[in-house]
C-alpha atoms as a PDB file:
ATOM      1  CA  UNK A   1     -13.469  -5.948   0.377  1.00  0.00           C
ATOM      2  CA  UNK A   2     -13.190  -9.755  -0.256  1.00  0.00           C
ATOM      3  CA  UNK A   3     -10.417 -11.560  -2.054  1.00  0.00           C
ATOM      4  CA  UNK A   4     -11.597 -12.002  -5.206  1.00  0.00           C
ATOM      5  CA  UNK A   5      -9.664 -15.552  -5.477  1.00  0.00           C
ATOM      6  CA  UNK A   6      -8.598 -18.245  -2.906  1.00  0.00           C
ATOM      7  CA  UNK A   7      -4.892 -18.081  -2.558  1.00  0.00           C
ATOM      8  CA  UNK A   8      -4.011 -20.565  -3.632  1.00  0.00           C
ATOM      9  CA  UNK A   9      -0.447 -22.206  -3.070  1.00  0.00           C
ATOM     10  CA  UNK A  10       1.839 -22.447  -6.412  1.00  0.00           C
ATOM     11  CA  UNK A  11       2.820 -25.441  -8.185  1.00  0.00           C
ATOM     12  CA  UNK A  12       5.792 -24.348  -9.042  1.00  0.00           C
ATOM     13  CA  UNK A  13       8.856 -22.534  -7.815  1.00  0.00           C
ATOM     14  CA  UNK A  14      12.530 -22.539  -7.701  1.00  0.00           C
ATOM     15  CA  UNK A  15      15.597 -20.052  -7.299  1.00  0.00           C
ATOM     16  CA  UNK A  16      17.175 -18.737 -11.089  1.00  0.00           C
ATOM     17  CA  UNK A  17      20.684 -18.069 -11.337  1.00  0.00           C
ATOM     18  CA  UNK A  18      20.756 -14.951 -13.076  1.00  0.00           C
ATOM     19  CA  UNK A  19      24.432 -14.057 -12.016  1.00  0.00           C
ATOM     20  CA  UNK A  20      26.934 -11.568  -9.886  1.00  0.00           C
ATOM     21  CA  UNK A  21      26.670 -15.127  -6.848  1.00  0.00           C
ATOM     22  CA  UNK A  22      22.922 -13.632  -6.575  1.00  0.00           C
ATOM     23  CA  UNK A  23      19.214 -16.039  -7.488  1.00  0.00           C
ATOM     24  CA  UNK A  24      15.968 -15.174  -7.241  1.00  0.00           C
ATOM     25  CA  UNK A  25      13.360 -17.144  -6.061  1.00  0.00           C
ATOM     26  CA  UNK A  26       9.940 -17.214  -7.606  1.00  0.00           C
ATOM     27  CA  UNK A  27       7.007 -19.292  -8.085  1.00  0.00           C
ATOM     28  CA  UNK A  28       3.844 -20.165 -10.662  1.00  0.00           C
ATOM     29  CA  UNK A  29       0.910 -21.063  -9.140  1.00  0.00           C
ATOM     30  CA  UNK A  30      -3.330 -21.478 -11.041  1.00  0.00           C
ATOM     31  CA  UNK A  31      -3.321 -23.075 -14.345  1.00  0.00           C
ATOM     32  CA  UNK A  32      -0.047 -24.416 -15.684  1.00  0.00           C
ATOM     33  CA  UNK A  33      -2.052 -23.631 -19.054  1.00  0.00           C
ATOM     34  CA  UNK A  34      -3.451 -20.573 -18.187  1.00  0.00           C
ATOM     35  CA  UNK A  35      -2.455 -17.053 -19.443  1.00  0.00           C
ATOM     36  CA  UNK A  36       1.244 -16.398 -18.238  1.00  0.00           C
ATOM     37  CA  UNK A  37       1.094 -13.487 -16.426  1.00  0.00           C
ATOM     38  CA  UNK A  38       4.119 -12.693 -13.354  1.00  0.00           C
ATOM     39  CA  UNK A  39       3.154  -9.716 -10.209  1.00  0.00           C
ATOM     40  CA  UNK A  40       6.347  -7.007 -10.194  1.00  0.00           C
ATOM     41  CA  UNK A  41       6.557  -6.369  -6.834  1.00  0.00           C
ATOM     42  CA  UNK A  42       7.167  -2.689  -5.573  1.00  0.00           C
ATOM     43  CA  UNK A  43       9.273  -0.681  -2.990  1.00  0.00           C
ATOM     44  CA  UNK A  44      12.105  -1.578  -4.264  1.00  0.00           C
ATOM     45  CA  UNK A  45      13.385  -4.942  -2.003  1.00  0.00           C
ATOM     46  CA  UNK A  46       9.537  -5.000  -0.246  1.00  0.00           C
ATOM     47  CA  UNK A  47       9.601  -8.347  -1.958  1.00  0.00           C
ATOM     48  CA  UNK A  48       6.613 -10.212  -3.584  1.00  0.00           C
ATOM     49  CA  UNK A  49       3.546 -10.752  -1.702  1.00  0.00           C
ATOM     50  CA  UNK A  50       1.213 -14.233  -1.885  1.00  0.00           C
ATOM     51  CA  UNK A  51      -2.177 -11.327  -1.447  1.00  0.00           C
ATOM     52  CA  UNK A  52      -1.186 -10.377  -4.958  1.00  0.00           C
ATOM     53  CA  UNK A  53      -2.844 -13.344  -6.755  1.00  0.00           C
ATOM     54  CA  UNK A  54      -6.467 -12.746  -4.845  1.00  0.00           C
ATOM     55  CA  UNK A  55      -6.898 -10.616  -8.366  1.00  0.00           C
ATOM     56  CA  UNK A  56      -6.260 -13.551 -10.620  1.00  0.00           C
ATOM     57  CA  UNK A  57      -9.267 -16.074 -11.720  1.00  0.00           C
ATOM     58  CA  UNK A  58      -6.271 -19.382 -11.470  1.00  0.00           C
ATOM     59  CA  UNK A  59      -7.919 -21.424 -14.094  1.00  0.00           C
ATOM     60  CA  UNK A  60      -7.834 -18.846 -16.502  1.00  0.00           C
ATOM     61  CA  UNK A  61      -4.377 -17.793 -15.702  1.00  0.00           C
ATOM     62  CA  UNK A  62      -0.467 -19.635 -15.418  1.00  0.00           C
ATOM     63  CA  UNK A  63       0.357 -16.687 -12.663  1.00  0.00           C
ATOM     64  CA  UNK A  64       4.437 -16.299 -12.410  1.00  0.00           C
ATOM     65  CA  UNK A  65       6.072 -13.925  -8.842  1.00  0.00           C
ATOM     66  CA  UNK A  66       9.156 -13.391  -8.210  1.00  0.00           C
ATOM     67  CA  UNK A  67      11.498 -11.514  -5.485  1.00  0.00           C
ATOM     68  CA  UNK A  68      13.973  -8.963  -6.404  1.00  0.00           C
ATOM     69  CA  UNK A  69      17.348  -9.331  -5.873  1.00  0.00           C
ATOM     70  CA  UNK A  70      18.791  -9.457  -2.533  1.00  0.00           C
ATOM     71  CA  UNK A  71      14.938  -9.237  -0.895  1.00  0.00           C
ATOM     72  CA  UNK A  72      12.164 -12.111  -0.311  1.00  0.00           C
ATOM     73  CA  UNK A  73      13.172 -15.222  -0.539  1.00  0.00           C
ATOM     74  CA  UNK A  74      16.116 -14.580  -3.116  1.00  0.00           C
ATOM     75  CA  UNK A  75      19.439 -15.145  -2.040  1.00  0.00           C
ATOM     76  CA  UNK A  76      22.012 -13.985  -1.120  1.00  0.00           C
ATOM     77  CA  UNK A  77      19.975 -11.643   0.682  1.00  0.00           C
ATOM     78  CA  UNK A  78      21.039  -7.760   1.563  1.00  0.00           C
ATOM     79  CA  UNK A  79      20.135  -7.895   5.622  1.00  0.00           C
ATOM     80  CA  UNK A  80      23.395  -9.780   5.777  1.00  0.00           C
ATOM     81  CA  UNK A  81      26.061  -6.269   6.303  1.00  0.00           C
ATOM     82  CA  UNK A  82      28.138  -8.393   4.279  1.00  0.00           C
ATOM     83  CA  UNK A  83      25.656  -8.204   0.878  1.00  0.00           C
ATOM     84  CA  UNK A  84      26.879  -6.465  -1.449  1.00  0.00           C
ATOM     85  CA  UNK A  85      24.814  -3.949  -3.714  1.00  0.00           C
ATOM     86  CA  UNK A  86      27.009  -3.965  -6.431  1.00  0.00           C
ATOM     87  CA  UNK A  87      24.823  -5.908  -8.839  1.00  0.00           C
ATOM     88  CA  UNK A  88      21.466  -4.334  -7.962  1.00  0.00           C
ATOM     89  CA  UNK A  89      20.126  -1.808 -10.472  1.00  0.00           C
ATOM     90  CA  UNK A  90      17.709  -1.551 -12.058  1.00  0.00           C
ATOM     91  CA  UNK A  91      19.316  -2.627 -15.485  1.00  0.00           C
ATOM     92  CA  UNK A  92      19.514  -6.016 -13.621  1.00  0.00           C
ATOM     93  CA  UNK A  93      16.282  -6.295 -12.878  1.00  0.00           C
ATOM     94  CA  UNK A  94      14.771  -5.797 -16.479  1.00  0.00           C
ATOM     95  CA  UNK A  95      17.535  -8.380 -17.161  1.00  0.00           C
ATOM     96  CA  UNK A  96      16.198 -10.807 -14.886  1.00  0.00           C
ATOM     97  CA  UNK A  97      12.872 -10.792 -15.560  1.00  0.00           C
ATOM     98  CA  UNK A  98      13.933 -11.542 -18.815  1.00  0.00           C
ATOM     99  CA  UNK A  99      15.565 -14.614 -17.864  1.00  0.00           C
ATOM    100  CA  UNK A 100      12.956 -15.450 -15.264  1.00  0.00           C
ATOM    101  CA  UNK A 101      10.771 -15.311 -18.313  1.00  0.00           C
ATOM    102  CA  UNK A 102      12.865 -17.082 -20.885  1.00  0.00           C
ATOM    103  CA  UNK A 103      13.822 -20.072 -17.980  1.00  0.00           C
ATOM    104  CA  UNK A 104       9.632 -20.144 -17.669  1.00  0.00           C
ATOM    105  CA  UNK A 105       9.207 -20.629 -21.427  1.00  0.00           C
ATOM    106  CA  UNK A 106       6.622 -17.937 -21.619  1.00  0.00           C
ATOM    107  CA  UNK A 107       5.846 -15.785 -25.051  1.00  0.00           C
ATOM    108  CA  UNK A 108       4.297 -13.090 -23.516  1.00  0.00           C
ATOM    109  CA  UNK A 109       3.184 -12.318 -20.068  1.00  0.00           C
ATOM    110  CA  UNK A 110       0.714  -9.875 -18.581  1.00  0.00           C
ATOM    111  CA  UNK A 111       2.801  -7.425 -15.990  1.00  0.00           C
ATOM    112  CA  UNK A 112       1.221  -6.203 -13.098  1.00  0.00           C
ATOM    113  CA  UNK A 113       2.893  -3.924 -10.046  1.00  0.00           C
ATOM    114  CA  UNK A 114       1.807  -1.085  -8.485  1.00  0.00           C
ATOM    115  CA  UNK A 115       4.830   1.912  -7.612  1.00  0.00           C
ATOM    116  CA  UNK A 116       8.430   0.913  -8.169  1.00  0.00           C
ATOM    117  CA  UNK A 117       7.001  -2.116  -9.434  1.00  0.00           C
ATOM    118  CA  UNK A 118       5.153   0.189 -12.195  1.00  0.00           C
ATOM    119  CA  UNK A 119       8.731   1.818 -13.057  1.00  0.00           C
ATOM    120  CA  UNK A 120      10.496  -1.924 -13.277  1.00  0.00           C
ATOM    121  CA  UNK A 121       7.366  -2.842 -15.807  1.00  0.00           C
ATOM    122  CA  UNK A 122       7.575   0.402 -17.793  1.00  0.00           C
ATOM    123  CA  UNK A 123      11.362  -0.105 -17.881  1.00  0.00           C
ATOM    124  CA  UNK A 124      11.020  -3.784 -18.970  1.00  0.00           C
ATOM    125  CA  UNK A 125       7.988  -3.084 -21.648  1.00  0.00           C
ATOM    126  CA  UNK A 126       9.779  -0.292 -23.477  1.00  0.00           C
ATOM    127  CA  UNK A 127      13.011  -3.023 -23.685  1.00  0.00           C
ATOM    128  CA  UNK A 128      10.880  -5.918 -24.133  1.00  0.00           C
ATOM    129  CA  UNK A 129       7.906  -4.578 -25.775  1.00  0.00           C
ATOM    130  CA  UNK A 130       7.350  -7.885 -27.619  1.00  0.00           C
ATOM    131  CA  UNK A 131       7.193  -9.795 -24.362  1.00  0.00           C
ATOM    132  CA  UNK A 132       4.472  -8.505 -22.722  1.00  0.00           C
ATOM    133  CA  UNK A 133       0.463  -8.642 -23.485  1.00  0.00           C
ATOM    134  CA  UNK A 134      -0.878  -6.446 -21.269  1.00  0.00           C
ATOM    135  CA  UNK A 135       0.298  -4.160 -18.604  1.00  0.00           C
ATOM    136  CA  UNK A 136      -1.652  -3.122 -15.282  1.00  0.00           C
ATOM    137  CA  UNK A 137      -0.597  -0.749 -12.224  1.00  0.00           C
ATOM    138  CA  UNK A 138      -2.072   0.361  -9.581  1.00  0.00           C
ATOM    139  CA  UNK A 139       0.354   3.452  -7.750  1.00  0.00           C
ATOM    140  CA  UNK A 140       2.074   4.705 -10.668  1.00  0.00           C
ATOM    141  CA  UNK A 141       5.860   6.136 -10.205  1.00  0.00           C
ATOM    142  CA  UNK A 142       8.256   6.050 -13.058  1.00  0.00           C
ATOM    143  CA  UNK A 143      11.123   7.366 -10.087  1.00  0.00           C
ATOM    144  CA  UNK A 144      11.831  10.394 -11.779  1.00  0.00           C
ATOM    145  CA  UNK A 145      14.092  12.545  -9.376  1.00  0.00           C
ATOM    146  CA  UNK A 146      11.881  14.896  -9.189  1.00  0.00           C
ATOM    147  CA  UNK A 147       9.206  12.164  -7.193  1.00  0.00           C
ATOM    148  CA  UNK A 148      11.884  11.077  -5.235  1.00  0.00           C
ATOM    149  CA  UNK A 149      12.856  14.816  -4.117  1.00  0.00           C
ATOM    150  CA  UNK A 150       8.358  15.019  -3.262  1.00  0.00           C
ATOM    151  CA  UNK A 151       8.668  11.692  -1.561  1.00  0.00           C
ATOM    152  CA  UNK A 152      11.405  12.322   0.356  1.00  0.00           C
ATOM    153  CA  UNK A 153      11.623  16.717   0.675  1.00  0.00           C
ATOM    154  CA  UNK A 154       7.867  17.829  -0.426  1.00  0.00           C
ATOM    155  CA  UNK A 155       6.476  16.075   1.550  1.00  0.00           C
ATOM    156  CA  UNK A 156       7.102  16.988   4.154  1.00  0.00           C
ATOM    157  CA  UNK A 157       5.571  20.267   4.820  1.00  0.00           C
ATOM    158  CA  UNK A 158       2.316  17.928   4.675  1.00  0.00           C
ATOM    159  CA  UNK A 159       4.563  16.169   8.223  1.00  0.00           C
ATOM    160  CA  UNK A 160       6.987  18.769   9.292  1.00  0.00           C
ATOM    161  CA  UNK A 161       7.796  16.925  12.797  1.00  0.00           C
ATOM    162  CA  UNK A 162       7.587  13.592  10.895  1.00  0.00           C
ATOM    163  CA  UNK A 163      10.510  15.017   8.399  1.00  0.00           C
ATOM    164  CA  UNK A 164      12.023  17.019  10.655  1.00  0.00           C
ATOM    165  CA  UNK A 165      12.640  13.768  12.918  1.00  0.00           C
ATOM    166  CA  UNK A 166      13.806  11.918   9.150  1.00  0.00           C
ATOM    167  CA  UNK A 167      15.859  14.916   8.369  1.00  0.00           C
ATOM    168  CA  UNK A 168      17.595  14.381  11.836  1.00  0.00           C
ATOM    169  CA  UNK A 169      18.784  10.797  11.226  1.00  0.00           C
ATOM    170  CA  UNK A 170      21.645  12.542   9.615  1.00  0.00           C
ATOM    171  CA  UNK A 171      23.844  14.865  10.612  1.00  0.00           C
ATOM    172  CA  UNK A 172      23.544  17.544   9.697  1.00  0.00           C
ATOM    173  CA  UNK A 173      26.693  18.031   7.292  1.00  0.00           C
ATOM    174  CA  UNK A 174      24.810  15.444   5.107  1.00  0.00           C
ATOM    175  CA  UNK A 175      21.176  16.617   5.363  1.00  0.00           C
ATOM    176  CA  UNK A 176      21.938  18.439   1.065  1.00  0.00           C
ATOM    177  CA  UNK A 177      21.059  14.620  -0.404  1.00  0.00           C
ATOM    178  CA  UNK A 178      18.952  12.755   2.195  1.00  0.00           C
ATOM    179  CA  UNK A 179      18.295   9.815   0.353  1.00  0.00           C
ATOM    180  CA  UNK A 180      22.624   9.430  -0.171  1.00  0.00           C
ATOM    181  CA  UNK A 181      23.295  10.287   2.761  1.00  0.00           C
ATOM    182  CA  UNK A 182      20.289   7.306   4.530  1.00  0.00           C
ATOM    183  CA  UNK A 183      22.217   4.907   1.853  1.00  0.00           C
ATOM    184  CA  UNK A 184      24.744   5.504   3.152  1.00  0.00           C
ATOM    185  CA  UNK A 185      23.935   5.038   6.696  1.00  0.00           C
ATOM    186  CA  UNK A 186      22.448   1.865   5.686  1.00  0.00           C
ATOM    187  CA  UNK A 187      24.857  -0.002   5.120  1.00  0.00           C
ATOM    188  CA  UNK A 188      27.063   1.046   6.741  1.00  0.00           C
ATOM    189  CA  UNK A 189      28.983  -1.568   8.730  1.00  0.00           C
ATOM    190  CA  UNK A 190      27.997   0.197  11.990  1.00  0.00           C
ATOM    191  CA  UNK A 191      25.275  -2.621  12.665  1.00  0.00           C
ATOM    192  CA  UNK A 192      23.880   0.194  14.849  1.00  0.00           C
ATOM    193  CA  UNK A 193      24.432   3.314  12.317  1.00  0.00           C
ATOM    194  CA  UNK A 194      22.116   0.691   9.773  1.00  0.00           C
ATOM    195  CA  UNK A 195      19.734  -0.113  12.576  1.00  0.00           C
ATOM    196  CA  UNK A 196      18.556   3.064  13.419  1.00  0.00           C
ATOM    197  CA  UNK A 197      19.152   4.477   9.180  1.00  0.00           C
ATOM    198  CA  UNK A 198      16.386   1.829   8.998  1.00  0.00           C
ATOM    199  CA  UNK A 199      13.468   2.516  11.854  1.00  0.00           C
ATOM    200  CA  UNK A 200      14.080   6.405  10.237  1.00  0.00           C
ATOM    201  CA  UNK A 201      12.872   5.782   7.618  1.00  0.00           C
ATOM    202  CA  UNK A 202      10.257   3.468   8.406  1.00  0.00           C
ATOM    203  CA  UNK A 203       9.379   5.741  10.513  1.00  0.00           C
ATOM    204  CA  UNK A 204       9.122   8.618   7.717  1.00  0.00           C
ATOM    205  CA  UNK A 205       7.616   6.335   4.480  1.00  0.00           C
ATOM    206  CA  UNK A 206       4.344   5.187   7.640  1.00  0.00           C
ATOM    207  CA  UNK A 207       4.023   8.938   7.865  1.00  0.00           C
ATOM    208  CA  UNK A 208       3.857   9.846   4.541  1.00  0.00           C
ATOM    209  CA  UNK A 209       0.469   6.662   4.555  1.00  0.00           C
ATOM    210  CA  UNK A 210      -0.429   8.014   8.035  1.00  0.00           C
ATOM    211  CA  UNK A 211      -3.517  11.056   6.673  1.00  0.00           C
ATOM    212  CA  UNK A 212      -5.267   6.965   4.778  1.00  0.00           C
ATOM    213  CA  UNK A 213      -7.764   4.557   6.264  1.00  0.00           C
ATOM    214  CA  UNK A 214      -7.565   1.350   4.086  1.00  0.00           C
ATOM    215  CA  UNK A 215      -4.633  -1.427   5.011  1.00  0.00           C
ATOM    216  CA  UNK A 216      -2.604  -1.734   8.041  1.00  0.00           C
ATOM    217  CA  UNK A 217      -1.499   0.655  10.265  1.00  0.00           C
ATOM    218  CA  UNK A 218       2.296   1.211   9.816  1.00  0.00           C
ATOM    219  CA  UNK A 219       3.535  -0.819   7.349  1.00  0.00           C
ATOM    220  CA  UNK A 220       6.830  -0.213   6.585  1.00  0.00           C
ATOM    221  CA  UNK A 221       7.535  -0.791  10.746  1.00  0.00           C
ATOM    222  CA  UNK A 222       5.157  -4.068  10.819  1.00  0.00           C
ATOM    223  CA  UNK A 223       7.853  -5.577   8.955  1.00  0.00           C
ATOM    224  CA  UNK A 224       9.921  -8.517   9.609  1.00  0.00           C
ATOM    225  CA  UNK A 225      13.157  -7.109  11.127  1.00  0.00           C
ATOM    226  CA  UNK A 226      15.064  -8.761   7.353  1.00  0.00           C
ATOM    227  CA  UNK A 227      12.232  -7.040   5.630  1.00  0.00           C
ATOM    228  CA  UNK A 228      12.644  -3.616   6.981  1.00  0.00           C
ATOM    229  CA  UNK A 229      16.382  -3.869   6.329  1.00  0.00           C
ATOM    230  CA  UNK A 230      15.846  -5.221   2.911  1.00  0.00           C
ATOM    231  CA  UNK A 231      13.417  -2.406   2.060  1.00  0.00           C
ATOM    232  CA  UNK A 232      15.647   0.536   3.063  1.00  0.00           C
ATOM    233  CA  UNK A 233      19.172  -0.066   1.435  1.00  0.00           C
ATOM    234  CA  UNK A 234      17.785  -1.520  -2.059  1.00  0.00           C
ATOM    235  CA  UNK A 235      14.844   1.140  -1.624  1.00  0.00           C
ATOM    236  CA  UNK A 236      17.448   4.572  -0.638  1.00  0.00           C
ATOM    237  CA  UNK A 237      20.207   2.992  -3.090  1.00  0.00           C
ATOM    238  CA  UNK A 238      17.870   2.656  -6.069  1.00  0.00           C
ATOM    239  CA  UNK A 239      16.817   6.388  -5.179  1.00  0.00           C
ATOM    240  CA  UNK A 240      20.632   7.657  -4.767  1.00  0.00           C
ATOM    241  CA  UNK A 241      20.894   6.522  -8.085  1.00  0.00           C
ATOM    242  CA  UNK A 242      17.998   8.455  -9.656  1.00  0.00           C
ATOM    243  CA  UNK A 243      16.965   4.488 -10.338  1.00  0.00           C
ATOM    244  CA  UNK A 244      20.022   4.443 -12.976  1.00  0.00           C
ATOM    245  CA  UNK A 245      17.653   6.405 -14.799  1.00  0.00           C
ATOM    246  CA  UNK A 246      17.150   9.643 -17.555  1.00  0.00           C
ATOM    247  CA  UNK A 247      15.176  11.652 -15.575  1.00  0.00           C
ATOM    248  CA  UNK A 248      12.067  11.040 -17.546  1.00  0.00           C
ATOM    249  CA  UNK A 249      13.032   8.616 -20.304  1.00  0.00           C
ATOM    250  CA  UNK A 250      10.300   6.057 -19.155  1.00  0.00           C
ATOM    251  CA  UNK A 251       7.722   9.255 -20.542  1.00  0.00           C
ATOM    252  CA  UNK A 252       9.792  10.550 -24.185  1.00  0.00           C
ATOM    253  CA  UNK A 253       9.249   6.583 -24.852  1.00  0.00           C
ATOM    254  CA  UNK A 254       6.318   5.779 -23.460  1.00  0.00           C
ATOM    255  CA  UNK A 255       5.727   5.471 -28.054  1.00  0.00           C
ATOM    256  CA  UNK A 256       7.792   2.601 -27.804  1.00  0.00           C
ATOM    257  CA  UNK A 257       4.724   0.832 -25.372  1.00  0.00           C
ATOM    258  CA  UNK A 258       2.318   1.339 -28.623  1.00  0.00           C
ATOM    259  CA  UNK A 259       0.374  -1.274 -29.242  1.00  0.00           C
ATOM    260  CA  UNK A 260       0.188  -2.425 -25.246  1.00  0.00           C
ATOM    261  CA  UNK A 261      -3.449  -2.210 -23.984  1.00  0.00           C
ATOM    262  CA  UNK A 262      -3.118  -0.519 -20.943  1.00  0.00           C
ATOM    263  CA  UNK A 263      -5.175   0.393 -17.485  1.00  0.00           C
ATOM    264  CA  UNK A 264      -3.243   2.949 -14.593  1.00  0.00           C
ATOM    265  CA  UNK A 265      -5.329   3.410 -11.853  1.00  0.00           C
ATOM    266  CA  UNK A 266      -4.286   6.329  -9.581  1.00  0.00           C
ATOM    267  CA  UNK A 267      -5.356   7.193  -5.814  1.00  0.00           C
ATOM    268  CA  UNK A 268      -6.049  11.092  -5.635  1.00  0.00           C
ATOM    269  CA  UNK A 269      -5.436  11.472  -2.768  1.00  0.00           C
ATOM    270  CA  UNK A 270      -1.617   9.346  -3.184  1.00  0.00           C
ATOM    271  CA  UNK A 271       0.820  11.471  -1.186  1.00  0.00           C
ATOM    272  CA  UNK A 272       3.862   8.508  -1.983  1.00  0.00           C
ATOM    273  CA  UNK A 273       3.398   8.945  -5.198  1.00  0.00           C
ATOM    274  CA  UNK A 274       0.911  12.189  -6.432  1.00  0.00           C
ATOM    275  CA  UNK A 275      -1.610  11.367  -9.376  1.00  0.00           C
ATOM    276  CA  UNK A 276       0.627  13.763 -11.493  1.00  0.00           C
ATOM    277  CA  UNK A 277       2.760  10.795 -13.141  1.00  0.00           C
ATOM    278  CA  UNK A 278      -0.291   8.415 -14.316  1.00  0.00           C
ATOM    279  CA  UNK A 279      -1.544  11.707 -15.975  1.00  0.00           C
ATOM    280  CA  UNK A 280       1.441  11.964 -17.328  1.00  0.00           C
ATOM    281  CA  UNK A 281       2.825   8.564 -18.022  1.00  0.00           C
ATOM    282  CA  UNK A 282      -1.394   7.999 -19.911  1.00  0.00           C
ATOM    283  CA  UNK A 283      -0.965  11.616 -22.426  1.00  0.00           C
ATOM    284  CA  UNK A 284       2.507   9.695 -23.531  1.00  0.00           C
ATOM    285  CA  UNK A 285       0.488   6.112 -24.214  1.00  0.00           C
ATOM    286  CA  UNK A 286      -2.498   6.517 -26.239  1.00  0.00           C
ATOM    287  CA  UNK A 287      -3.353   2.202 -25.421  1.00  0.00           C
ATOM    288  CA  UNK A 288      -3.884   2.520 -21.607  1.00  0.00           C
ATOM    289  CA  UNK A 289      -6.521   3.933 -19.759  1.00  0.00           C
ATOM    290  CA  UNK A 290      -6.395   6.442 -16.830  1.00  0.00           C
ATOM    291  CA  UNK A 291      -9.319   5.620 -13.288  1.00  0.00           C
ATOM    292  CA  UNK A 292      -8.671   7.774 -10.420  1.00  0.00           C
ATOM    293  CA  UNK A 293      -9.985   7.470  -7.841  1.00  0.00           C
ATOM    294  CA  UNK A 294     -11.215   9.641  -5.174  1.00  0.00           C
ATOM    295  CA  UNK A 295      -9.868   9.378  -1.630  1.00  0.00           C
ATOM    296  CA  UNK A 296      -7.427   6.947  -2.363  1.00  0.00           C
ATOM    297  CA  UNK A 297      -3.770   6.885  -1.567  1.00  0.00           C
ATOM    298  CA  UNK A 298      -0.951   5.263  -1.616  1.00  0.00           C
ATOM    299  CA  UNK A 299      -2.310   1.792  -0.714  1.00  0.00           C
ATOM    300  CA  UNK A 300      -4.969   1.596  -2.824  1.00  0.00           C
ATOM    301  CA  UNK A 301      -9.035   0.540  -1.451  1.00  0.00           C
ATOM    302  CA  UNK A 302     -11.645  -1.409  -2.502  1.00  0.00           C
ATOM    303  CA  UNK A 303     -12.910   0.501  -4.581  1.00  0.00           C
ATOM    304  CA  UNK A 304      -9.293   0.136  -6.684  1.00  0.00           C
ATOM    305  CA  UNK A 305      -9.146  -3.504  -5.550  1.00  0.00           C
ATOM    306  CA  UNK A 306     -12.152  -3.966  -7.435  1.00  0.00           C
ATOM    307  CA  UNK A 307     -11.017  -2.314  -9.858  1.00  0.00           C
ATOM    308  CA  UNK A 308      -7.583  -4.080 -10.249  1.00  0.00           C
ATOM    309  CA  UNK A 309     -10.068  -7.494  -9.670  1.00  0.00           C
ATOM    310  CA  UNK A 310     -11.963  -6.104 -13.093  1.00  0.00           C
ATOM    311  CA  UNK A 311      -9.278  -4.653 -15.693  1.00  0.00           C
ATOM    312  CA  UNK A 312      -7.493  -8.776 -15.027  1.00  0.00           C
ATOM    313  CA  UNK A 313     -10.727 -10.182 -15.962  1.00  0.00           C
ATOM    314  CA  UNK A 314     -10.843  -7.898 -19.502  1.00  0.00           C
ATOM    315  CA  UNK A 315      -8.022  -9.324 -19.576  1.00  0.00           C
ATOM    316  CA  UNK A 316      -7.942 -12.879 -19.271  1.00  0.00           C
ATOM    317  CA  UNK A 317      -9.295 -14.623 -21.425  1.00  0.00           C
ATOM    318  CA  UNK A 318     -11.320 -17.612 -21.970  1.00  0.00           C
ATOM    319  CA  UNK A 319     -10.357 -19.955 -19.318  1.00  0.00           C
ATOM    320  CA  UNK A 320      -8.160 -22.789 -20.686  1.00  0.00           C
ATOM    321  CA  UNK A 321      -9.693 -25.715 -22.244  1.00  0.00           C
ATOM    322  CA  UNK A 322     -13.100 -24.203 -22.284  1.00  0.00           C
ATOM    323  CA  UNK A 323     -15.044 -25.768 -25.602  1.00  0.00           C
ATOM    324  CA  UNK A 324     -13.192 -28.565 -26.039  1.00  0.00           C
END
């Protein structure tokens, strides 16, 4: 699908000190007087993507992109094995988003994201509902342990060969909790151990997406080395701790989103985040509209991309300065 809008360069950017020795990278593009919106990237640990700008009309949106702690252009980067993950939790990332909003002088903003990004958006919006105007989510997850157990366990029933290789990446005595074992190994001081854990994790993630035809092949293994390391170190760290969220809390507390319009876009064939989570969220959040796309997986499709652009178009409002 041709990109709806051009990938215009940012007109402002910087590093925001969020404490604990961390500075997160942010950038703003589009119309300085437009509707504020923020893209919350997935992973966790993947970093922001300039391509996400193409969904937003640059004449009507003031668009914020940022890199979460430890990844992208934020510093320090966790590809450095000495960078600690101690102060990298869901609570820290929610607080970072709020500090960024205040730093940019935004009263409230539309939030867009997918996969892990949807979890972080829900956590932020439930804590600061007055700061969120609308929400658009694609590939909905809430990072419950049951969801993580599926991705790093149950999905192995469909890819037994790849899953056996994934399990074999850690010693047998550690396989009862694979995610925690990978989290330890991905942060090992032994770089050979770390690099093998990163490679094995990325190979499994690619296997889960291997039935999908949309997007590039092997999206995890094809990342630059630093990007692979940050993704695996941070993702395994978060998932091993249940994202520091009480099981089911984001669904239980969805009532806090009352009055916030939402659009949930979900692929029927999403093996990484099956559609039952989006369906459960839509039932708990009456202001949200759910659309499920047949023949679409975690990486989306042209049809889903068009729906994302249409949702953002619907929420954009008139162009800044129109009618003056």
